[in-house]
């Protein structure tokens, strides 16, 4: 089972989720997406909390502070040791930076690139549990069974459809640009026919001759 929470720290609201247990965490590690950010209490056991980066937030490094605090408070509240301790720190990194090998225990992870982990001066420092925040998030909690494999297939289909639509629009834009350039080229060629010619050199026709042309 996966637990979903809604944070109103941003507009539009953001989705935060986590596995009910370490077994579920294994699936979340395996089936995460590139717009997921992983949170964990530093050096203590805790839930693996994920943030789905909301629209309007450019990257995982530009998550608003209020949203970071929501995620960190949820991590702290779901850490047996961390929930009791003051002054804990929470680290976070993009999902695709999580590293899992066969010799690791269930729920255990490492990182592909330690420089992509927010730690040291960049960690989220939580002095104490803020029940107002935790209670607000818990009121939005929804628990549901997730078919991770099917969701992956559906997501890939949706992403493929978006790419196809973008390709069609790009082709239309390229065709329109080519049409405009051809029209401009034709206009310039016509203008060059009369470049450097005096008015007397231009073809002259009487009114009668022009009328005869249409008869």
N, C-alpha and C. Protein backbone atom coordinates (compact mmCIF):
# COMPACT_ATOMS: atom_id res chain seq x y z
N UNK A 1 0.84 -1.20 0.00
CA UNK A 1 0.00 0.00 0.00
C UNK A 1 0.88 1.25 0.00
N UNK A 2 0.40 2.26 -0.68
CA UNK A 2 1.11 3.53 -0.74
C UNK A 2 0.24 4.60 -0.10
N UNK A 3 0.86 5.44 0.70
CA UNK A 3 0.16 6.54 1.37
C UNK A 3 0.43 7.83 0.62
N UNK A 4 -0.62 8.52 0.24
CA UNK A 4 -0.52 9.77 -0.50
C UNK A 4 -0.99 10.94 0.36
N UNK A 5 -0.25 12.03 0.29
CA UNK A 5 -0.58 13.25 1.03
C UNK A 5 -0.58 14.43 0.06
N UNK A 6 -1.32 15.46 0.42
CA UNK A 6 -1.37 16.67 -0.41
C UNK A 6 -0.86 17.85 0.39
N UNK A 7 0.14 18.52 -0.15
CA UNK A 7 0.69 19.72 0.49
C UNK A 7 0.15 20.95 -0.22
N UNK A 8 -0.36 21.89 0.56
CA UNK A 8 -0.85 23.16 0.02
C UNK A 8 0.20 24.26 0.18
N UNK A 9 1.45 23.84 0.38
CA UNK A 9 2.53 24.82 0.51
C UNK A 9 2.81 25.51 -0.82
N UNK A 10 2.34 24.89 -1.92
CA UNK A 10 2.49 25.50 -3.24
C UNK A 10 1.14 25.56 -3.93
N UNK A 11 1.06 26.35 -4.95
CA UNK A 11 -0.15 26.45 -5.77
C UNK A 11 0.27 26.25 -7.22
N UNK A 12 -0.15 25.14 -7.87
CA UNK A 12 -1.08 24.13 -7.37
C UNK A 12 -0.45 23.26 -6.27
N UNK A 13 -1.30 22.56 -5.51
CA UNK A 13 -0.80 21.71 -4.43
C UNK A 13 0.13 20.62 -4.95
N UNK A 14 0.96 20.11 -4.05
CA UNK A 14 1.93 19.08 -4.41
C UNK A 14 1.56 17.73 -3.79
N UNK A 15 1.92 16.67 -4.48
CA UNK A 15 1.68 15.31 -3.99
C UNK A 15 2.93 14.77 -3.31
N UNK A 16 2.75 14.28 -2.09
CA UNK A 16 3.82 13.63 -1.34
C UNK A 16 3.35 12.20 -1.08
N UNK A 17 4.24 11.23 -1.20
CA UNK A 17 3.81 9.85 -0.95
C UNK A 17 4.92 9.03 -0.33
N UNK A 18 4.54 7.92 0.25
CA UNK A 18 5.52 7.02 0.86
C UNK A 18 4.94 5.62 0.98
N UNK A 19 5.82 4.63 1.09
CA UNK A 19 5.38 3.26 1.26
C UNK A 19 4.97 3.00 2.71
N UNK A 20 4.05 2.06 2.89
CA UNK A 20 3.61 1.74 4.24
C UNK A 20 4.70 1.00 5.01
N UNK A 21 5.55 0.25 4.30
CA UNK A 21 6.62 -0.49 4.97
C UNK A 21 7.83 -0.58 4.05
N UNK A 22 8.89 -1.20 4.53
CA UNK A 22 10.14 -1.26 3.76
C UNK A 22 10.01 -2.10 2.51
N UNK A 23 9.08 -3.06 2.50
CA UNK A 23 8.86 -3.86 1.30
C UNK A 23 8.28 -2.99 0.19
N UNK A 24 7.30 -2.17 0.57
CA UNK A 24 6.72 -1.25 -0.41
C UNK A 24 7.76 -0.23 -0.88
N UNK A 25 8.67 0.12 0.01
CA UNK A 25 9.72 1.06 -0.38
C UNK A 25 10.55 0.52 -1.55
N UNK A 26 10.72 -0.80 -1.59
CA UNK A 26 11.48 -1.40 -2.68
C UNK A 26 10.83 -1.11 -4.03
N UNK A 27 9.50 -1.19 -4.07
CA UNK A 27 8.80 -0.89 -5.32
C UNK A 27 8.90 0.58 -5.68
N UNK A 28 8.85 1.44 -4.67
CA UNK A 28 8.96 2.87 -4.94
C UNK A 28 10.35 3.22 -5.48
N UNK A 29 11.36 2.55 -4.95
CA UNK A 29 12.73 2.76 -5.46
C UNK A 29 12.80 2.31 -6.92
N UNK A 30 12.16 1.21 -7.23
CA UNK A 30 12.22 0.63 -8.57
C UNK A 30 11.40 1.40 -9.59
N UNK A 31 10.22 1.87 -9.17
CA UNK A 31 9.27 2.44 -10.14
C UNK A 31 9.11 3.96 -10.05
N UNK A 32 10.03 4.63 -9.38
CA UNK A 32 9.92 6.08 -9.31
C UNK A 32 10.07 6.72 -10.68
N UNK A 33 9.86 8.02 -10.75
CA UNK A 33 9.97 8.75 -12.01
C UNK A 33 10.94 9.93 -11.83
N UNK A 34 11.33 10.50 -12.94
CA UNK A 34 12.35 11.56 -12.90
C UNK A 34 11.87 12.84 -12.25
N UNK A 35 10.57 12.97 -12.00
CA UNK A 35 10.09 14.16 -11.30
C UNK A 35 9.81 13.88 -9.82
N UNK A 36 10.38 12.77 -9.32
CA UNK A 36 10.26 12.42 -7.91
C UNK A 36 11.52 12.82 -7.15
N UNK A 37 11.33 13.29 -5.93
CA UNK A 37 12.46 13.63 -5.05
C UNK A 37 12.31 12.82 -3.76
N UNK A 38 13.38 12.18 -3.35
CA UNK A 38 13.39 11.27 -2.20
C UNK A 38 13.89 12.00 -0.96
N UNK A 39 13.20 11.80 0.17
CA UNK A 39 13.57 12.42 1.46
C UNK A 39 13.77 11.33 2.50
N UNK A 40 14.73 11.57 3.41
CA UNK A 40 15.01 10.60 4.47
C UNK A 40 15.71 11.30 5.62
N UNK A 41 15.44 10.85 6.84
CA UNK A 41 16.17 11.39 7.99
C UNK A 41 17.62 10.98 7.88
N UNK A 42 18.51 11.91 8.09
CA UNK A 42 19.94 11.63 7.94
C UNK A 42 20.44 10.76 9.09
N UNK A 43 21.06 9.62 8.74
CA UNK A 43 21.72 8.72 9.68
C UNK A 43 20.79 8.03 10.66
N UNK A 44 19.50 8.06 10.39
CA UNK A 44 18.52 7.35 11.22
C UNK A 44 17.55 6.61 10.32
N UNK A 45 16.92 5.59 10.89
CA UNK A 45 15.88 4.88 10.16
C UNK A 45 14.64 5.77 10.04
N UNK A 46 14.03 5.79 8.86
CA UNK A 46 12.81 6.58 8.68
C UNK A 46 12.07 6.08 7.44
N UNK A 47 10.87 6.60 7.25
CA UNK A 47 10.14 6.31 6.03
C UNK A 47 10.88 6.92 4.84
N UNK A 48 10.68 6.32 3.67
CA UNK A 48 11.17 6.92 2.43
C UNK A 48 10.02 7.78 1.90
N UNK A 49 10.19 9.07 1.97
CA UNK A 49 9.13 9.98 1.53
C UNK A 49 9.51 10.57 0.18
N UNK A 50 8.55 10.60 -0.72
CA UNK A 50 8.80 11.12 -2.06
C UNK A 50 7.90 12.33 -2.33
N UNK A 51 8.49 13.29 -3.00
CA UNK A 51 7.73 14.46 -3.46
C UNK A 51 7.65 14.41 -4.97
N UNK A 52 6.45 14.56 -5.50
CA UNK A 52 6.26 14.71 -6.93
C UNK A 52 6.38 16.20 -7.23
N UNK A 53 7.45 16.59 -7.93
CA UNK A 53 7.69 18.02 -8.17
C UNK A 53 6.48 18.63 -8.86
N UNK A 54 5.87 19.65 -8.25
CA UNK A 54 4.64 20.22 -8.82
C UNK A 54 4.93 21.13 -10.01
N UNK A 55 3.93 21.37 -10.86
CA UNK A 55 4.09 22.31 -11.98
C UNK A 55 4.50 23.68 -11.45
N UNK A 56 5.37 24.33 -12.18
CA UNK A 56 5.82 25.66 -11.77
C UNK A 56 7.14 25.65 -11.02
N UNK A 57 7.53 24.48 -10.50
CA UNK A 57 8.82 24.36 -9.82
C UNK A 57 9.83 23.84 -10.85
N UNK A 58 10.84 24.62 -11.14
CA UNK A 58 11.75 24.34 -12.25
C UNK A 58 12.55 23.05 -12.07
N UNK A 59 13.01 22.78 -10.86
CA UNK A 59 13.84 21.59 -10.64
C UNK A 59 13.83 21.22 -9.16
N UNK A 60 14.43 20.07 -8.87
CA UNK A 60 14.47 19.61 -7.47
C UNK A 60 15.31 20.54 -6.61
N UNK A 61 16.20 21.31 -7.21
CA UNK A 61 17.04 22.23 -6.45
C UNK A 61 16.34 23.55 -6.15
N UNK A 62 15.14 23.72 -6.71
CA UNK A 62 14.42 24.97 -6.51
C UNK A 62 13.07 24.75 -5.84
N UNK A 63 12.99 23.68 -5.05
CA UNK A 63 11.75 23.41 -4.30
C UNK A 63 11.57 24.50 -3.25
N UNK A 64 10.40 25.12 -3.18
CA UNK A 64 10.18 26.17 -2.17
C UNK A 64 10.41 25.66 -0.75
N UNK A 65 10.91 26.53 0.09
CA UNK A 65 11.24 26.15 1.46
C UNK A 65 10.05 25.58 2.21
N UNK A 66 8.89 26.18 2.04
CA UNK A 66 7.69 25.71 2.76
C UNK A 66 7.35 24.27 2.38
N UNK A 67 7.55 23.93 1.12
CA UNK A 67 7.27 22.56 0.67
C UNK A 67 8.33 21.60 1.20
N UNK A 68 9.58 22.04 1.26
CA UNK A 68 10.64 21.22 1.85
C UNK A 68 10.32 20.91 3.31
N UNK A 69 9.83 21.91 4.03
CA UNK A 69 9.50 21.72 5.44
C UNK A 69 8.36 20.71 5.59
N UNK A 70 7.36 20.78 4.73
CA UNK A 70 6.26 19.81 4.78
C UNK A 70 6.81 18.39 4.62
N UNK A 71 7.67 18.19 3.63
CA UNK A 71 8.24 16.86 3.39
C UNK A 71 9.09 16.41 4.57
N UNK A 72 9.90 17.32 5.09
CA UNK A 72 10.79 16.98 6.21
C UNK A 72 10.00 16.65 7.47
N UNK A 73 8.94 17.39 7.74
CA UNK A 73 8.12 17.11 8.92
C UNK A 73 7.44 15.75 8.80
N UNK A 74 7.04 15.39 7.58
CA UNK A 74 6.41 14.09 7.37
C UNK A 74 7.44 12.97 7.57
N UNK A 75 8.66 13.20 7.11
CA UNK A 75 9.73 12.21 7.31
C UNK A 75 10.00 12.03 8.80
N UNK A 76 10.14 13.13 9.51
CA UNK A 76 10.41 13.07 10.96
C UNK A 76 9.30 12.33 11.69
N UNK A 77 8.06 12.65 11.34
CA UNK A 77 6.91 12.04 12.02
C UNK A 77 6.84 10.54 11.77
N UNK A 78 7.48 10.08 10.70
CA UNK A 78 7.46 8.66 10.35
C UNK A 78 8.82 8.01 10.54
N UNK A 79 9.54 8.50 11.52
CA UNK A 79 10.81 7.90 11.95
C UNK A 79 10.70 7.59 13.43
N UNK A 80 10.84 6.33 13.81
CA UNK A 80 10.68 5.94 15.21
C UNK A 80 11.67 6.70 16.09
N UNK A 81 12.92 6.75 15.67
CA UNK A 81 13.93 7.48 16.44
C UNK A 81 13.84 8.97 16.21
N UNK A 82 13.73 9.37 14.95
CA UNK A 82 13.75 10.79 14.60
C UNK A 82 12.58 11.56 15.16
N UNK A 83 11.43 10.89 15.31
CA UNK A 83 10.24 11.57 15.83
C UNK A 83 10.43 12.00 17.28
N UNK A 84 11.28 11.29 18.00
CA UNK A 84 11.47 11.59 19.43
C UNK A 84 12.60 12.59 19.66
N UNK A 85 13.47 12.75 18.67
CA UNK A 85 14.66 13.57 18.86
C UNK A 85 14.48 14.99 18.33
N UNK A 86 15.05 15.96 19.02
CA UNK A 86 15.08 17.33 18.49
C UNK A 86 16.26 17.50 17.55
N UNK A 87 16.20 18.54 16.76
CA UNK A 87 17.34 18.92 15.92
C UNK A 87 17.82 17.79 14.99
N UNK A 88 16.88 17.23 14.25
CA UNK A 88 17.28 16.23 13.27
C UNK A 88 17.48 16.91 11.92
N UNK A 89 18.16 16.22 11.03
CA UNK A 89 18.35 16.75 9.68
C UNK A 89 17.76 15.77 8.67
N UNK A 90 17.27 16.32 7.58
CA UNK A 90 16.67 15.52 6.53
C UNK A 90 17.43 15.78 5.23
N UNK A 91 17.84 14.71 4.57
CA UNK A 91 18.52 14.85 3.30
C UNK A 91 17.55 14.53 2.17
N UNK A 92 17.86 15.01 0.98
CA UNK A 92 17.00 14.70 -0.16
C UNK A 92 17.80 14.71 -1.46
N UNK A 93 17.28 13.96 -2.44
CA UNK A 93 17.97 13.81 -3.72
C UNK A 93 16.95 13.36 -4.76
N UNK A 94 17.21 13.59 -6.04
CA UNK A 94 16.29 13.10 -7.08
C UNK A 94 16.20 11.58 -7.06
N UNK A 95 15.03 11.07 -7.42
CA UNK A 95 14.84 9.62 -7.44
C UNK A 95 15.88 8.92 -8.29
N UNK A 96 16.22 9.49 -9.45
CA UNK A 96 17.14 8.79 -10.35
C UNK A 96 18.58 8.77 -9.82
N UNK A 97 18.81 9.38 -8.67
CA UNK A 97 20.14 9.31 -8.05
C UNK A 97 20.22 8.17 -7.03
N UNK A 98 19.10 7.51 -6.77
CA UNK A 98 19.09 6.39 -5.85
C UNK A 98 19.74 5.17 -6.50
N UNK A 99 20.55 4.48 -5.72
CA UNK A 99 21.27 3.32 -6.22
C UNK A 99 20.92 2.10 -5.39
N UNK A 100 20.58 1.03 -6.07
CA UNK A 100 20.20 -0.20 -5.37
C UNK A 100 20.96 -1.37 -5.98
N UNK A 101 21.63 -2.15 -5.13
CA UNK A 101 22.34 -3.33 -5.60
C UNK A 101 21.82 -4.57 -4.88
N UNK A 102 22.12 -5.72 -5.45
CA UNK A 102 21.56 -6.96 -4.93
C UNK A 102 21.99 -7.33 -3.53
N UNK A 103 23.12 -6.79 -3.07
CA UNK A 103 23.62 -7.17 -1.74
C UNK A 103 23.08 -6.25 -0.64
N UNK A 104 22.23 -5.30 -1.00
CA UNK A 104 21.68 -4.37 0.00
C UNK A 104 20.46 -4.96 0.68
N UNK A 105 20.25 -4.57 1.92
CA UNK A 105 19.08 -5.02 2.66
C UNK A 105 17.82 -4.38 2.08
N UNK A 106 16.67 -4.96 2.39
CA UNK A 106 15.39 -4.42 1.92
C UNK A 106 15.22 -2.99 2.43
N UNK A 107 14.92 -2.08 1.52
CA UNK A 107 14.72 -0.69 1.90
C UNK A 107 15.98 0.15 1.94
N UNK A 108 17.13 -0.50 1.83
CA UNK A 108 18.40 0.23 1.88
C UNK A 108 18.75 0.78 0.51
N UNK A 109 19.31 1.99 0.49
CA UNK A 109 19.72 2.60 -0.77
C UNK A 109 21.08 3.27 -0.61
N UNK A 110 21.71 3.51 -1.76
CA UNK A 110 22.92 4.34 -1.81
C UNK A 110 22.67 5.37 -2.91
N UNK A 111 23.72 6.08 -3.30
CA UNK A 111 23.55 7.13 -4.30
C UNK A 111 24.56 6.96 -5.43
N UNK A 112 24.12 7.28 -6.63
CA UNK A 112 25.02 7.26 -7.78
C UNK A 112 26.03 8.40 -7.68
N UNK A 113 25.55 9.55 -7.28
CA UNK A 113 26.40 10.74 -7.21
C UNK A 113 26.12 11.47 -5.91
N UNK A 114 27.08 11.41 -4.99
CA UNK A 114 26.86 12.02 -3.68
C UNK A 114 26.71 13.53 -3.75
N UNK A 115 27.22 14.13 -4.82
CA UNK A 115 27.11 15.58 -4.95
C UNK A 115 25.68 16.03 -5.25
N UNK A 116 24.85 15.09 -5.66
CA UNK A 116 23.44 15.42 -5.94
C UNK A 116 22.54 15.20 -4.72
N UNK A 117 23.15 14.94 -3.59
CA UNK A 117 22.40 14.77 -2.34
C UNK A 117 22.52 16.06 -1.54
N UNK A 118 21.37 16.62 -1.17
CA UNK A 118 21.40 17.84 -0.37
C UNK A 118 21.74 17.45 1.06
N UNK A 119 22.95 17.79 1.46
CA UNK A 119 23.41 17.49 2.81
C UNK A 119 24.35 18.61 3.25
N UNK A 120 24.92 18.48 4.44
CA UNK A 120 25.79 19.55 4.95
C UNK A 120 25.00 20.82 5.20
N UNK A 121 25.43 21.93 4.63
CA UNK A 121 24.74 23.20 4.83
C UNK A 121 23.43 23.27 4.05
N UNK A 122 23.23 22.31 3.15
CA UNK A 122 22.05 22.38 2.29
C UNK A 122 20.92 21.46 2.77
N UNK A 123 21.10 20.78 3.89
CA UNK A 123 20.07 19.90 4.40
C UNK A 123 18.91 20.70 4.98
N UNK A 124 17.81 20.02 5.21
CA UNK A 124 16.68 20.64 5.90
C UNK A 124 16.83 20.35 7.38
N UNK A 125 16.97 21.39 8.17
CA UNK A 125 17.12 21.22 9.62
C UNK A 125 15.76 21.36 10.29
N UNK A 126 15.40 20.36 11.08
CA UNK A 126 14.13 20.37 11.78
C UNK A 126 14.40 20.37 13.29
N UNK A 127 14.09 21.48 13.93
CA UNK A 127 14.36 21.60 15.36
C UNK A 127 13.43 20.72 16.18
N UNK A 128 12.17 20.66 15.77
CA UNK A 128 11.20 19.86 16.50
C UNK A 128 10.02 19.52 15.61
N UNK A 129 9.24 18.56 16.04
CA UNK A 129 8.04 18.19 15.29
C UNK A 129 7.02 19.31 15.38
N UNK A 130 6.46 19.67 14.21
CA UNK A 130 5.41 20.70 14.16
C UNK A 130 4.09 19.99 13.90
N UNK A 131 3.32 19.78 14.99
CA UNK A 131 2.08 19.03 14.86
C UNK A 131 1.07 19.70 13.92
N UNK A 132 1.12 21.01 13.84
CA UNK A 132 0.19 21.72 12.95
C UNK A 132 0.42 21.26 11.51
N UNK A 133 1.68 21.15 11.12
CA UNK A 133 2.00 20.72 9.76
C UNK A 133 1.67 19.25 9.56
N UNK A 134 2.09 18.42 10.51
CA UNK A 134 1.87 16.97 10.38
C UNK A 134 0.38 16.66 10.35
N UNK A 135 -0.40 17.32 11.21
CA UNK A 135 -1.84 17.08 11.24
C UNK A 135 -2.51 17.54 9.95
N UNK A 136 -2.05 18.68 9.42
CA UNK A 136 -2.61 19.17 8.15
C UNK A 136 -2.38 18.16 7.03
N UNK A 137 -1.18 17.60 6.98
CA UNK A 137 -0.87 16.61 5.95
C UNK A 137 -1.62 15.31 6.18
N UNK A 138 -1.72 14.87 7.42
CA UNK A 138 -2.42 13.62 7.72
C UNK A 138 -3.90 13.67 7.37
N UNK A 139 -4.49 14.85 7.43
CA UNK A 139 -5.90 15.00 7.06
C UNK A 139 -6.14 14.75 5.58
N UNK A 140 -5.09 14.86 4.78
CA UNK A 140 -5.23 14.63 3.34
C UNK A 140 -4.83 13.22 2.94
N UNK A 141 -4.44 12.40 3.90
CA UNK A 141 -3.88 11.07 3.60
C UNK A 141 -4.89 10.16 2.91
N UNK A 142 -4.42 9.55 1.83
CA UNK A 142 -5.21 8.55 1.11
C UNK A 142 -4.33 7.32 0.92
N UNK A 143 -4.85 6.17 1.29
CA UNK A 143 -4.09 4.93 1.17
C UNK A 143 -4.69 4.09 0.04
N UNK A 144 -3.86 3.65 -0.88
CA UNK A 144 -4.38 2.82 -1.96
C UNK A 144 -3.34 1.83 -2.47
N UNK A 145 -3.85 0.75 -3.03
CA UNK A 145 -3.00 -0.25 -3.65
C UNK A 145 -2.58 0.28 -5.02
N UNK A 146 -1.31 0.17 -5.33
CA UNK A 146 -0.80 0.70 -6.58
C UNK A 146 -0.21 -0.43 -7.42
N UNK A 147 -0.68 -0.52 -8.65
CA UNK A 147 -0.09 -1.46 -9.61
C UNK A 147 1.04 -0.71 -10.30
N UNK A 148 2.24 -0.81 -9.74
CA UNK A 148 3.36 -0.01 -10.23
C UNK A 148 3.70 -0.31 -11.69
N UNK A 149 3.62 -1.57 -12.07
CA UNK A 149 3.96 -1.94 -13.45
C UNK A 149 2.96 -1.33 -14.43
N UNK A 150 1.65 -1.40 -14.10
CA UNK A 150 0.64 -0.84 -14.99
C UNK A 150 0.75 0.68 -15.05
N UNK A 151 1.02 1.30 -13.91
CA UNK A 151 1.19 2.75 -13.91
C UNK A 151 2.38 3.17 -14.76
N UNK A 152 3.42 2.35 -14.74
CA UNK A 152 4.59 2.64 -15.57
C UNK A 152 4.21 2.57 -17.05
N UNK A 153 3.45 1.54 -17.43
CA UNK A 153 3.01 1.39 -18.82
C UNK A 153 2.13 2.57 -19.23
N UNK A 154 1.17 2.92 -18.35
CA UNK A 154 0.27 4.05 -18.66
C UNK A 154 1.05 5.35 -18.79
N UNK A 155 2.02 5.54 -17.91
CA UNK A 155 2.83 6.76 -17.94
C UNK A 155 3.64 6.85 -19.23
N UNK A 156 4.21 5.72 -19.63
CA UNK A 156 5.00 5.70 -20.86
C UNK A 156 4.12 5.98 -22.08
N UNK A 157 2.88 5.45 -22.08
CA UNK A 157 1.97 5.73 -23.18
C UNK A 157 1.62 7.22 -23.23
N UNK A 158 1.35 7.79 -22.07
CA UNK A 158 1.00 9.22 -22.01
C UNK A 158 2.17 10.08 -22.47
N UNK A 159 3.36 9.74 -22.02
CA UNK A 159 4.55 10.49 -22.42
C UNK A 159 4.80 10.37 -23.92
N UNK A 160 4.56 9.17 -24.46
CA UNK A 160 4.72 8.95 -25.89
C UNK A 160 3.73 9.78 -26.69
N UNK A 161 2.49 9.85 -26.19
CA UNK A 161 1.46 10.65 -26.87
C UNK A 161 1.84 12.13 -26.87
N UNK A 162 2.38 12.59 -25.76
CA UNK A 162 2.81 13.99 -25.68
C UNK A 162 3.94 14.26 -26.66
N UNK A 163 4.88 13.33 -26.75
CA UNK A 163 6.00 13.50 -27.69
C UNK A 163 5.51 13.51 -29.13
N UNK A 164 4.55 12.61 -29.45
CA UNK A 164 4.02 12.57 -30.82
C UNK A 164 3.31 13.87 -31.17
N UNK A 165 2.51 14.36 -30.21
CA UNK A 165 1.78 15.62 -30.45
C UNK A 165 2.76 16.77 -30.65
N UNK A 166 3.83 16.78 -29.86
CA UNK A 166 4.83 17.83 -29.98
C UNK A 166 5.53 17.74 -31.33
N UNK A 167 5.79 16.51 -31.79
CA UNK A 167 6.45 16.31 -33.09
C UNK A 167 5.56 16.80 -34.23
N UNK A 168 4.26 16.54 -34.13
CA UNK A 168 3.31 17.01 -35.15
C UNK A 168 3.29 18.53 -35.20
N UNK A 169 3.23 19.16 -34.03
CA UNK A 169 3.22 20.62 -33.97
C UNK A 169 4.52 21.20 -34.51
N UNK A 170 5.62 20.56 -34.21
CA UNK A 170 6.91 21.04 -34.70
C UNK A 170 6.97 20.94 -36.23
N UNK A 171 6.45 19.83 -36.78
CA UNK A 171 6.45 19.66 -38.23
C UNK A 171 5.58 20.72 -38.90
N UNK A 172 4.42 21.01 -38.29
CA UNK A 172 3.55 22.06 -38.83
C UNK A 172 4.26 23.40 -38.83
N UNK A 173 4.96 23.70 -37.73
CA UNK A 173 5.68 24.96 -37.62
C UNK A 173 6.79 25.05 -38.67
N UNK A 174 7.49 23.93 -38.89
CA UNK A 174 8.56 23.92 -39.88
C UNK A 174 8.01 24.11 -41.29
N UNK A 175 6.86 23.48 -41.58
CA UNK A 175 6.23 23.63 -42.89
C UNK A 175 5.77 25.07 -43.12
N UNK A 176 5.21 25.69 -42.09
CA UNK A 176 4.77 27.07 -42.20
C UNK A 176 5.95 28.00 -42.40
N UNK A 177 7.04 27.74 -41.70
CA UNK A 177 8.24 28.56 -41.86
C UNK A 177 8.80 28.42 -43.27
N UNK A 178 8.80 27.18 -43.79
CA UNK A 178 9.30 26.95 -45.16
C UNK A 178 8.41 27.68 -46.18
N UNK A 179 7.10 27.66 -45.95
CA UNK A 179 6.18 28.37 -46.85
C UNK A 179 6.45 29.87 -46.84
N UNK A 180 6.64 30.42 -45.64
CA UNK A 180 6.91 31.85 -45.52
C UNK A 180 8.22 32.22 -46.22
N UNK A 181 9.24 31.40 -46.04
CA UNK A 181 10.53 31.67 -46.66
C UNK A 181 10.44 31.59 -48.18
N UNK A 182 9.67 30.62 -48.70
CA UNK A 182 9.50 30.49 -50.14
C UNK A 182 8.78 31.72 -50.70
N UNK A 183 7.76 32.19 -49.95
CA UNK A 183 7.01 33.37 -50.40
C UNK A 183 7.93 34.60 -50.41
N UNK A 184 8.75 34.74 -49.38
CA UNK A 184 9.68 35.87 -49.31
C UNK A 184 10.71 35.81 -50.44
N UNK A 185 11.18 34.58 -50.73
CA UNK A 185 12.16 34.41 -51.80
C UNK A 185 11.55 34.78 -53.14
N UNK A 186 10.31 34.37 -53.35
CA UNK A 186 9.62 34.68 -54.61
C UNK A 186 9.41 36.18 -54.75
N UNK A 187 9.06 36.83 -53.64
CA UNK A 187 8.84 38.28 -53.68
C UNK A 187 10.14 39.01 -54.00
N UNK A 188 11.25 38.55 -53.42
CA UNK A 188 12.54 39.19 -53.68
C UNK A 188 12.97 38.99 -55.13
N UNK A 189 12.69 37.80 -55.69
CA UNK A 189 13.04 37.52 -57.08
C UNK A 189 12.26 38.44 -58.01
N UNK A 190 11.01 38.68 -57.71
CA UNK A 190 10.18 39.56 -58.53
C UNK A 190 10.70 41.00 -58.46
N UNK A 191 11.09 41.40 -57.23
CA UNK A 191 11.61 42.77 -57.07
C UNK A 191 12.89 42.96 -57.85
N UNK A 192 13.73 41.91 -57.94
CA UNK A 192 15.01 42.04 -58.63
C UNK A 192 14.85 42.21 -60.14
N UNK A 193 13.69 41.79 -60.68
CA UNK A 193 13.45 41.95 -62.12
C UNK A 193 13.50 43.41 -62.53
N UNK A 194 13.07 44.27 -61.62
CA UNK A 194 12.96 45.68 -61.95
C UNK A 194 14.01 46.53 -61.24
N UNK A 195 14.98 45.87 -60.58
CA UNK A 195 16.03 46.61 -59.90
C UNK A 195 16.88 47.38 -60.90
N UNK A 196 17.14 48.67 -60.65
CA UNK A 196 18.00 49.49 -61.49
C UNK A 196 17.34 50.01 -62.75
N UNK A 197 16.08 49.70 -62.95
CA UNK A 197 15.36 50.18 -64.15
C UNK A 197 14.70 51.51 -63.85
N UNK A 198 14.83 52.45 -64.82
CA UNK A 198 14.13 53.72 -64.70
C UNK A 198 12.67 53.52 -65.02
N UNK A 199 11.89 54.48 -64.63
CA UNK A 199 10.45 54.37 -64.88
C UNK A 199 10.17 54.26 -66.37
N UNK A 200 11.02 54.95 -67.22
CA UNK A 200 10.80 54.91 -68.67
C UNK A 200 11.09 53.53 -69.23
N UNK A 201 11.95 52.76 -68.49
CA UNK A 201 12.31 51.43 -68.99
C UNK A 201 11.23 50.39 -68.72
N UNK A 202 10.32 50.68 -67.79
CA UNK A 202 9.30 49.72 -67.43
C UNK A 202 8.31 49.54 -68.58
N UNK A 203 7.77 48.38 -68.77
CA UNK A 203 6.81 48.14 -69.86
C UNK A 203 5.63 49.10 -69.74
N UNK A 204 5.30 49.74 -70.85
CA UNK A 204 4.20 50.70 -70.85
C UNK A 204 3.09 50.19 -71.74
N UNK A 205 1.85 50.30 -71.30
CA UNK A 205 0.69 49.91 -72.10
C UNK A 205 -0.36 51.00 -71.98
N UNK A 206 -1.01 51.21 -73.05
CA UNK A 206 -2.12 52.18 -73.03
C UNK A 206 -3.32 51.55 -72.36
N UNK A 207 -4.28 52.39 -72.03
CA UNK A 207 -5.50 51.87 -71.41
C UNK A 207 -6.20 50.92 -72.36
N UNK A 208 -6.19 51.28 -73.66
CA UNK A 208 -6.85 50.44 -74.65
C UNK A 208 -6.20 49.07 -74.75
N UNK A 209 -4.81 49.07 -74.68
CA UNK A 209 -4.08 47.80 -74.78
C UNK A 209 -4.37 46.91 -73.56
N UNK A 210 -4.44 47.56 -72.41
CA UNK A 210 -4.73 46.77 -71.20
C UNK A 210 -6.14 46.21 -71.25
N UNK A 211 -7.07 47.00 -71.79
CA UNK A 211 -8.44 46.50 -71.91
C UNK A 211 -8.49 45.36 -72.89
N UNK A 212 -7.67 45.48 -74.01
CA UNK A 212 -7.67 44.39 -75.01
C UNK A 212 -7.14 43.09 -74.42
N UNK A 213 -6.22 43.23 -73.44
CA UNK A 213 -5.66 42.01 -72.81
C UNK A 213 -6.72 41.19 -72.12
N UNK A 214 -7.77 41.82 -71.69
CA UNK A 214 -8.82 41.11 -70.96
C UNK A 214 -9.98 40.68 -71.84
N UNK A 215 -9.90 40.96 -73.13
CA UNK A 215 -10.99 40.61 -74.04
C UNK A 215 -10.78 39.21 -74.65
